[in-house]
PDB file of N, CA and C in Angstrom:
ATOM      1  N   MET A   1       6.675 -22.187 -11.950  1.00  0.00           N
ATOM      2  CA  MET A   1       5.644 -21.010 -12.337  1.00  0.00           C
ATOM      3  C   MET A   1       4.810 -21.832 -13.615  1.00  0.00           C
ATOM      4  N   ASP A   2       5.029 -22.709 -14.413  1.00  0.00           N
ATOM      5  CA  ASP A   2       4.477 -23.075 -14.971  1.00  0.00           C
ATOM      6  C   ASP A   2       2.951 -24.100 -14.829  1.00  0.00           C
ATOM      7  N   GLN A   3       3.928 -24.914 -13.818  1.00  0.00           N
ATOM      8  CA  GLN A   3       3.302 -25.715 -12.754  1.00  0.00           C
ATOM      9  C   GLN A   3       1.796 -25.359 -12.202  1.00  0.00           C
ATOM     10  N   ILE A   4       1.892 -24.001 -11.602  1.00  0.00           N
ATOM     11  CA  ILE A   4       1.266 -23.604 -10.881  1.00  0.00           C
ATOM     12  C   ILE A   4      -0.226 -22.879 -11.690  1.00  0.00           C
ATOM     13  N   MET A   5       0.134 -22.258 -12.803  1.00  0.00           N
ATOM     14  CA  MET A   5      -0.692 -22.138 -14.087  1.00  0.00           C
ATOM     15  C   MET A   5      -1.196 -23.002 -14.882  1.00  0.00           C
ATOM     16  N   TYR A   6      -0.795 -24.279 -14.777  1.00  0.00           N
ATOM     17  CA  TYR A   6      -1.277 -25.360 -15.036  1.00  0.00           C
ATOM     18  C   TYR A   6      -2.337 -25.731 -14.241  1.00  0.00           C
ATOM     19  N   VAL A   7      -2.576 -25.542 -13.522  1.00  0.00           N
ATOM     20  CA  VAL A   7      -3.418 -26.181 -12.000  1.00  0.00           C
ATOM     21  C   VAL A   7      -4.102 -25.449 -11.512  1.00  0.00           C
ATOM     22  N   LEU A   8      -4.257 -23.733 -11.429  1.00  0.00           N
ATOM     23  CA  LEU A   8      -4.692 -23.081 -11.299  1.00  0.00           C
ATOM     24  C   LEU A   8      -6.568 -22.829 -11.939  1.00  0.00           C
ATOM     25  N   PRO A   9      -6.245 -22.922 -12.993  1.00  0.00           N
ATOM     26  CA  PRO A   9      -7.873 -23.042 -13.493  1.00  0.00           C
ATOM     27  C   PRO A   9      -8.844 -23.972 -12.681  1.00  0.00           C
ATOM     28  N   SER A  10      -8.127 -24.952 -12.738  1.00  0.00           N
ATOM     29  CA  SER A  10      -8.906 -26.576 -12.304  1.00  0.00           C
ATOM     30  C   SER A  10      -9.333 -26.503 -10.561  1.00  0.00           C
ATOM     31  N   VAL A  11      -8.540 -25.428 -10.072  1.00  0.00           N
ATOM     32  CA  VAL A  11      -8.038 -25.306  -8.463  1.00  0.00           C
ATOM     33  C   VAL A  11      -9.367 -24.265  -8.349  1.00  0.00           C
ATOM     34  N   ALA A  12      -9.235 -23.031  -9.133  1.00  0.00           N
ATOM     35  CA  ALA A  12     -10.357 -22.092  -8.916  1.00  0.00           C
ATOM     36  C   ALA A  12     -11.707 -22.725  -9.243  1.00  0.00           C
ATOM     37  N   VAL A  13     -12.146 -23.527 -10.354  1.00  0.00           N
ATOM     38  CA  VAL A  13     -12.851 -24.550 -10.517  1.00  0.00           C
ATOM     39  C   VAL A  13     -14.031 -24.601  -9.383  1.00  0.00           C
ATOM     40  N   SER A  14     -13.094 -25.773  -8.921  1.00  0.00           N
ATOM     41  CA  SER A  14     -13.227 -26.516  -7.977  1.00  0.00           C
ATOM     42  C   SER A  14     -13.427 -25.525  -6.670  1.00  0.00           C
ATOM     43  N   MET A  15     -12.890 -24.812  -6.190  1.00  0.00           N
ATOM     44  CA  MET A  15     -13.337 -23.847  -5.037  1.00  0.00           C
ATOM     45  C   MET A  15     -15.095 -22.889  -5.357  1.00  0.00           C
ATOM     46  N   VAL A  16     -15.187 -23.035  -6.689  1.00  0.00           N
ATOM     47  CA  VAL A  16     -16.500 -22.108  -6.617  1.00  0.00           C
ATOM     48  C   VAL A  16     -17.611 -23.487  -6.747  1.00  0.00           C
ATOM     49  N   VAL A  17     -17.187 -24.333  -7.384  1.00  0.00           N
ATOM     50  CA  VAL A  17     -17.989 -25.719  -7.163  1.00  0.00           C
ATOM     51  C   VAL A  17     -18.554 -26.153  -5.896  1.00  0.00           C
ATOM     52  N   GLN A  18     -17.444 -26.060  -4.812  1.00  0.00           N
ATOM     53  CA  GLN A  18     -17.562 -26.479  -3.383  1.00  0.00           C
ATOM     54  C   GLN A  18     -18.581 -25.446  -2.950  1.00  0.00           C
ATOM     55  N   PHE A  19     -18.331 -24.278  -3.218  1.00  0.00           N
ATOM     56  CA  PHE A  19     -19.130 -23.017  -2.428  1.00  0.00           C
ATOM     57  C   PHE A  19     -20.419 -22.946  -2.754  1.00  0.00           C
ATOM     58  N   PHE A  20     -20.898 -23.057  -4.255  1.00  0.00           N
ATOM     59  CA  PHE A  20     -22.274 -23.710  -4.400  1.00  0.00           C
ATOM     60  C   PHE A  20     -22.873 -24.551  -3.769  1.00  0.00           C
ATOM     61  N   LEU A  21     -21.745 -25.770  -3.727  1.00  0.00           N
ATOM     62  CA  LEU A  21     -22.820 -26.559  -3.150  1.00  0.00           C
ATOM     63  C   LEU A  21     -22.796 -26.891  -1.696  1.00  0.00           C
ATOM     64  N   ALA A  22     -21.891 -25.730  -1.027  1.00  0.00           N
ATOM     65  CA  ALA A  22     -22.142 -25.826   0.420  1.00  0.00           C
ATOM     66  C   ALA A  22     -24.012 -24.722   0.732  1.00  0.00           C
ATOM     67  N   VAL A  23     -23.347 -23.673  -0.480  1.00  0.00           N
ATOM     68  CA  VAL A  23     -24.748 -22.983  -0.340  1.00  0.00           C
ATOM     69  C   VAL A  23     -26.178 -23.549  -0.366  1.00  0.00           C
ATOM     70  N   ALA A  24     -26.645 -24.383  -1.582  1.00  0.00           N
ATOM     71  CA  ALA A  24     -26.871 -25.444  -1.792  1.00  0.00           C
ATOM     72  C   ALA A  24     -27.400 -26.061  -0.738  1.00  0.00           C
ATOM     73  N   ALA A  25     -26.812 -26.668  -0.133  1.00  0.00           N
ATOM     74  CA  ALA A  25     -26.741 -27.809   1.001  1.00  0.00           C
ATOM     75  C   ALA A  25     -27.624 -26.878   2.381  1.00  0.00           C
ATOM     76  N   PHE A  26     -27.337 -25.682   2.426  1.00  0.00           N
ATOM     77  CA  PHE A  26     -27.848 -24.686   3.364  1.00  0.00           C
ATOM     78  C   PHE A  26     -28.855 -24.643   3.468  1.00  0.00           C
ATOM     79  N   PHE A  27     -29.358 -24.258   1.942  1.00  0.00           N
ATOM     80  CA  PHE A  27     -30.711 -23.827   2.224  1.00  0.00           C
ATOM     81  C   PHE A  27     -31.908 -24.784   2.126  1.00  0.00           C
ATOM     82  N   LEU A  28     -31.019 -26.557   1.412  1.00  0.00           N
ATOM     83  CA  LEU A  28     -31.792 -27.965   1.462  1.00  0.00           C
ATOM     84  C   LEU A  28     -32.079 -28.250   3.172  1.00  0.00           C
ATOM     85  N   VAL A  29     -30.990 -27.807   3.662  1.00  0.00           N
ATOM     86  CA  VAL A  29     -31.097 -27.812   5.711  1.00  0.00           C
ATOM     87  C   VAL A  29     -32.383 -27.051   5.611  1.00  0.00           C
ATOM     88  N   ARG A  30     -32.183 -25.849   5.766  1.00  0.00           N
ATOM     89  CA  ARG A  30     -33.686 -24.909   6.143  1.00  0.00           C
ATOM     90  C   ARG A  30     -34.658 -25.018   5.232  1.00  0.00           C
ATOM     91  N   LEU A  31     -34.900 -25.849   4.096  1.00  0.00           N
ATOM     92  CA  LEU A  31     -36.232 -26.150   3.638  1.00  0.00           C
ATOM     93  C   LEU A  31     -36.668 -27.661   4.180  1.00  0.00           C
ATOM     94  N   SER A  32     -35.625 -28.293   4.641  1.00  0.00           N
ATOM     95  CA  SER A  32     -36.049 -29.454   5.322  1.00  0.00           C
ATOM     96  C   SER A  32     -36.631 -29.412   6.428  1.00  0.00           C
ATOM     97  N   LEU A  33     -35.914 -28.592   7.311  1.00  0.00           N
ATOM     98  CA  LEU A  33     -36.246 -28.222   8.668  1.00  0.00           C
ATOM     99  C   LEU A  33     -37.880 -27.820   8.600  1.00  0.00           C
ATOM    100  N   LYS A  34     -38.148 -26.776   7.545  1.00  0.00           N
ATOM    101  CA  LYS A  34     -39.012 -25.997   7.674  1.00  0.00           C
ATOM    102  C   LYS A  34     -40.145 -26.810   7.390  1.00  0.00           C
ATOM    103  N   TRP A  35     -39.771 -27.991   6.514  1.00  0.00           N
ATOM    104  CA  TRP A  35     -40.638 -29.111   5.997  1.00  0.00           C
ATOM    105  C   TRP A  35     -41.501 -29.854   7.414  1.00  0.00           C
ATOM    106  N   LEU A  36     -40.417 -30.621   8.020  1.00  0.00           N
ATOM    107  CA  LEU A  36     -40.302 -31.234   9.057  1.00  0.00           C
ATOM    108  C   LEU A  36     -41.115 -30.804  10.410  1.00  0.00           C
ATOM    109  N   ASP A  37     -41.260 -29.242  10.697  1.00  0.00           N
ATOM    110  CA  ASP A  37     -41.768 -28.515  11.740  1.00  0.00           C
ATOM    111  C   ASP A  37     -43.342 -28.487  10.996  1.00  0.00           C
ATOM    112  N   ARG A  38     -43.369 -28.287   9.917  1.00  0.00           N
ATOM    113  CA  ARG A  38     -44.742 -28.211   9.162  1.00  0.00           C
ATOM    114  C   ARG A  38     -45.513 -29.566   9.580  1.00  0.00           C
ATOM    115  N   ILE A  39     -44.881 -30.814   9.266  1.00  0.00           N
ATOM    116  CA  ILE A  39     -45.434 -32.183   9.431  1.00  0.00           C
ATOM    117  C   ILE A  39     -45.490 -32.167  10.949  1.00  0.00           C
ATOM    118  N   ILE A  40     -44.844 -31.874  12.056  1.00  0.00           N
ATOM    119  CA  ILE A  40     -45.524 -32.240  13.020  1.00  0.00           C
ATOM    120  C   ILE A  40     -46.548 -31.670  13.672  1.00  0.00           C
ATOM    121  N   GLY A  41     -46.583 -30.315  13.103  1.00  0.00           N
ATOM    122  CA  GLY A  41     -47.591 -29.046  13.557  1.00  0.00           C
ATOM    123  C   GLY A  41     -46.527 -27.927  14.248  1.00  0.00           C
ATOM    124  N   PHE A  42     -45.704 -28.124  14.412  1.00  0.00           N
ATOM    125  CA  PHE A  42     -44.980 -27.007  15.313  1.00  0.00           C
ATOM    126  C   PHE A  42     -44.669 -25.862  14.799  1.00  0.00           C
ATOM    127  N   ASP A  43     -45.465 -24.914  15.488  1.00  0.00           N
ATOM    128  CA  ASP A  43     -45.419 -23.532  15.107  1.00  0.00           C
ATOM    129  C   ASP A  43     -44.536 -22.746  15.391  1.00  0.00           C
ATOM    130  N   PHE A  44     -43.757 -21.809  14.936  1.00  0.00           N
ATOM    131  CA  PHE A  44     -42.804 -21.233  15.623  1.00  0.00           C
ATOM    132  C   PHE A  44     -43.116 -19.820  16.222  1.00  0.00           C
ATOM    133  N   LYS A  45     -44.359 -19.529  15.118  1.00  0.00           N
ATOM    134  CA  LYS A  45     -44.609 -17.916  15.756  1.00  0.00           C
ATOM    135  C   LYS A  45     -45.062 -17.866  17.085  1.00  0.00           C
ATOM    136  N   ASP A  46     -45.818 -19.275  17.693  1.00  0.00           N
ATOM    137  CA  ASP A  46     -46.038 -18.680  18.624  1.00  0.00           C
ATOM    138  C   ASP A  46     -45.263 -19.043  19.874  1.00  0.00           C
ATOM    139  N   TRP A  47     -44.567 -19.969  19.675  1.00  0.00           N
ATOM    140  CA  TRP A  47     -43.398 -20.313  20.290  1.00  0.00           C
ATOM    141  C   TRP A  47     -42.149 -19.557  20.856  1.00  0.00           C
ATOM    142  N   ILE A  48     -41.932 -18.738  19.517  1.00  0.00           N
ATOM    143  CA  ILE A  48     -41.143 -17.555  19.711  1.00  0.00           C
ATOM    144  C   ILE A  48     -41.973 -16.232  20.382  1.00  0.00           C
ATOM    145  N   SER A  49     -42.731 -15.666  20.201  1.00  0.00           N
ATOM    146  CA  SER A  49     -43.572 -14.908  20.995  1.00  0.00           C
ATOM    147  C   SER A  49     -43.628 -15.259  22.759  1.00  0.00           C
ATOM    148  N   ASN A  50     -43.737 -16.542  23.211  1.00  0.00           N
ATOM    149  CA  ASN A  50     -43.334 -16.793  24.083  1.00  0.00           C
ATOM    150  C   ASN A  50     -42.259 -17.147  25.139  1.00  0.00           C
ATOM    151  N   ALA A  51     -41.121 -17.253  24.253  1.00  0.00           N
ATOM    152  CA  ALA A  51     -40.337 -18.076  24.794  1.00  0.00           C
ATOM    153  C   ALA A  51     -39.080 -16.830  24.608  1.00  0.00           C
ATOM    154  N   ASP A  52     -37.883 -16.948  25.733  1.00  0.00           N
ATOM    155  CA  ASP A  52     -36.923 -15.979  25.749  1.00  0.00           C
ATOM    156  C   ASP A  52     -35.915 -16.083  24.865  1.00  0.00           C
ATOM    157  N   HIS A  53     -35.341 -14.728  24.034  1.00  0.00           N
ATOM    158  CA  HIS A  53     -34.871 -14.499  22.703  1.00  0.00           C
ATOM    159  C   HIS A  53     -33.513 -15.872  23.193  1.00  0.00           C
ATOM    160  N   MET A  54     -32.612 -15.835  24.243  1.00  0.00           N
ATOM    161  CA  MET A  54     -31.933 -16.548  24.130  1.00  0.00           C
ATOM    162  C   MET A  54     -31.690 -18.073  23.927  1.00  0.00           C
ATOM    163  N   ALA A  55     -32.829 -18.177  24.740  1.00  0.00           N
ATOM    164  CA  ALA A  55     -33.290 -19.520  24.397  1.00  0.00           C
ATOM    165  C   ALA A  55     -33.855 -20.041  22.752  1.00  0.00           C
ATOM    166  N   VAL A  56     -34.250 -19.137  22.416  1.00  0.00           N
ATOM    167  CA  VAL A  56     -34.822 -19.411  20.283  1.00  0.00           C
ATOM    168  C   VAL A  56     -33.242 -19.550  20.197  1.00  0.00           C
ATOM    169  N   SER A  57     -32.494 -18.211  20.117  1.00  0.00           N
ATOM    170  CA  SER A  57     -31.350 -18.560  19.460  1.00  0.00           C
ATOM    171  C   SER A  57     -30.346 -19.728  19.673  1.00  0.00           C
ATOM    172  N   HIS A  58     -30.298 -20.109  21.005  1.00  0.00           N
ATOM    173  CA  HIS A  58     -29.737 -21.276  21.001  1.00  0.00           C
ATOM    174  C   HIS A  58     -30.488 -22.623  20.373  1.00  0.00           C
ATOM    175  N   TYR A  59     -31.623 -22.636  20.092  1.00  0.00           N
ATOM    176  CA  TYR A  59     -32.681 -23.882  19.846  1.00  0.00           C
ATOM    177  C   TYR A  59     -32.249 -23.842  18.285  1.00  0.00           C
ATOM    178  N   LEU A  60     -32.361 -22.537  17.409  1.00  0.00           N
ATOM    179  CA  LEU A  60     -32.302 -22.767  16.172  1.00  0.00           C
ATOM    180  C   LEU A  60     -30.711 -22.964  15.750  1.00  0.00           C
ATOM    181  N   SER A  61     -30.189 -22.492  16.301  1.00  0.00           N
ATOM    182  CA  SER A  61     -28.622 -22.404  16.013  1.00  0.00           C
ATOM    183  C   SER A  61     -28.330 -23.890  16.097  1.00  0.00           C
ATOM    184  N   TYR A  62     -28.581 -24.215  16.966  1.00  0.00           N
ATOM    185  CA  TYR A  62     -27.840 -25.805  17.584  1.00  0.00           C
ATOM    186  C   TYR A  62     -28.807 -26.654  16.309  1.00  0.00           C
ATOM    187  N   ARG A  63     -29.837 -26.344  16.151  1.00  0.00           N
ATOM    188  CA  ARG A  63     -30.809 -27.556  15.293  1.00  0.00           C
ATOM    189  C   ARG A  63     -29.627 -27.195  14.020  1.00  0.00           C
ATOM    190  N   ILE A  64     -29.490 -26.122  13.462  1.00  0.00           N
ATOM    191  CA  ILE A  64     -29.430 -26.118  12.200  1.00  0.00           C
ATOM    192  C   ILE A  64     -27.929 -26.707  12.139  1.00  0.00           C
ATOM    193  N   LEU A  65     -27.184 -26.138  13.047  1.00  0.00           N
ATOM    194  CA  LEU A  65     -25.946 -27.082  13.224  1.00  0.00           C
ATOM    195  C   LEU A  65     -25.732 -28.411  13.002  1.00  0.00           C
ATOM    196  N   ALA A  66     -26.344 -28.811  14.082  1.00  0.00           N
ATOM    197  CA  ALA A  66     -27.047 -30.561  13.650  1.00  0.00           C
ATOM    198  C   ALA A  66     -27.422 -31.022  13.032  1.00  0.00           C
ATOM    199  N   VAL A  67     -28.412 -30.603  11.805  1.00  0.00           N
ATOM    200  CA  VAL A  67     -28.607 -31.027  10.435  1.00  0.00           C
ATOM    201  C   VAL A  67     -27.422 -30.854   9.796  1.00  0.00           C
ATOM    202  N   CYS A  68     -26.820 -29.745   9.725  1.00  0.00           N
ATOM    203  CA  CYS A  68     -25.647 -29.717   8.847  1.00  0.00           C
ATOM    204  C   CYS A  68     -24.409 -31.031   9.000  1.00  0.00           C
ATOM    205  N   ILE A  69     -24.281 -30.918  10.149  1.00  0.00           N
ATOM    206  CA  ILE A  69     -23.328 -31.930  10.751  1.00  0.00           C
ATOM    207  C   ILE A  69     -23.631 -33.623   9.985  1.00  0.00           C
ATOM    208  N   LEU A  70     -25.035 -33.804  10.015  1.00  0.00           N
ATOM    209  CA  LEU A  70     -25.478 -35.117   9.558  1.00  0.00           C
ATOM    210  C   LEU A  70     -25.525 -34.704   8.235  1.00  0.00           C
ATOM    211  N   VAL A  71     -26.042 -33.658   7.498  1.00  0.00           N
ATOM    212  CA  VAL A  71     -25.638 -33.530   5.769  1.00  0.00           C
ATOM    213  C   VAL A  71     -24.413 -33.892   5.270  1.00  0.00           C
ATOM    214  N   GLY A  72     -23.314 -33.214   6.075  1.00  0.00           N
ATOM    215  CA  GLY A  72     -21.967 -32.945   6.074  1.00  0.00           C
ATOM    216  C   GLY A  72     -21.475 -34.787   5.979  1.00  0.00           C
ATOM    217  N   LEU A  73     -21.944 -35.492   6.767  1.00  0.00           N
ATOM    218  CA  LEU A  73     -21.477 -36.534   7.177  1.00  0.00           C
ATOM    219  C   LEU A  73     -22.175 -38.042   6.026  1.00  0.00           C
ATOM    220  N   ILE A  74     -23.641 -37.351   5.725  1.00  0.00           N
ATOM    221  CA  ILE A  74     -23.990 -38.520   4.454  1.00  0.00           C
ATOM    222  C   ILE A  74     -23.226 -37.469   3.138  1.00  0.00           C
ATOM    223  N   VAL A  75     -23.045 -36.863   3.031  1.00  0.00           N
ATOM    224  CA  VAL A  75     -22.436 -35.939   1.762  1.00  0.00           C
ATOM    225  C   VAL A  75     -20.974 -36.805   1.889  1.00  0.00           C
ATOM    226  N   SER A  76     -20.036 -36.922   2.751  1.00  0.00           N
ATOM    227  CA  SER A  76     -18.705 -37.524   2.865  1.00  0.00           C
ATOM    228  C   SER A  76     -18.600 -39.325   2.869  1.00  0.00           C
ATOM    229  N   GLY A  77     -19.850 -40.039   3.075  1.00  0.00           N
ATOM    230  CA  GLY A  77     -19.698 -40.956   2.741  1.00  0.00           C
ATOM    231  C   GLY A  77     -19.525 -41.540   4.269  1.00  0.00           C
ATOM    232  N   SER A  78     -19.342 -40.909   5.348  1.00  0.00           N
ATOM    233  CA  SER A  78     -18.848 -41.517   7.095  1.00  0.00           C
ATOM    234  C   SER A  78     -20.178 -42.197   7.529  1.00  0.00           C
ATOM    235  N   LEU A  79     -21.361 -41.804   6.896  1.00  0.00           N
ATOM    236  CA  LEU A  79     -22.315 -42.110   7.630  1.00  0.00           C
ATOM    237  C   LEU A  79     -22.985 -43.271   7.158  1.00  0.00           C
TER     238      LEU A  79
END
């Protein structure tokens, strides 16, 4: 039991840090995608108003997923 109590604070701090890093990375991904859309002049409001709802949801979710995987590869050093 003493070993668990010795390791528990560092495990808790590590979990909190990893959670905040994941949240920060997600918001960084969202900001970078908005910035890239602004650079190429892509207007989501116009596209969303004329597109099918299912197509819009698939496009946005796959785009965020792809960038999150890319950021995960970069952070882990696999890329």
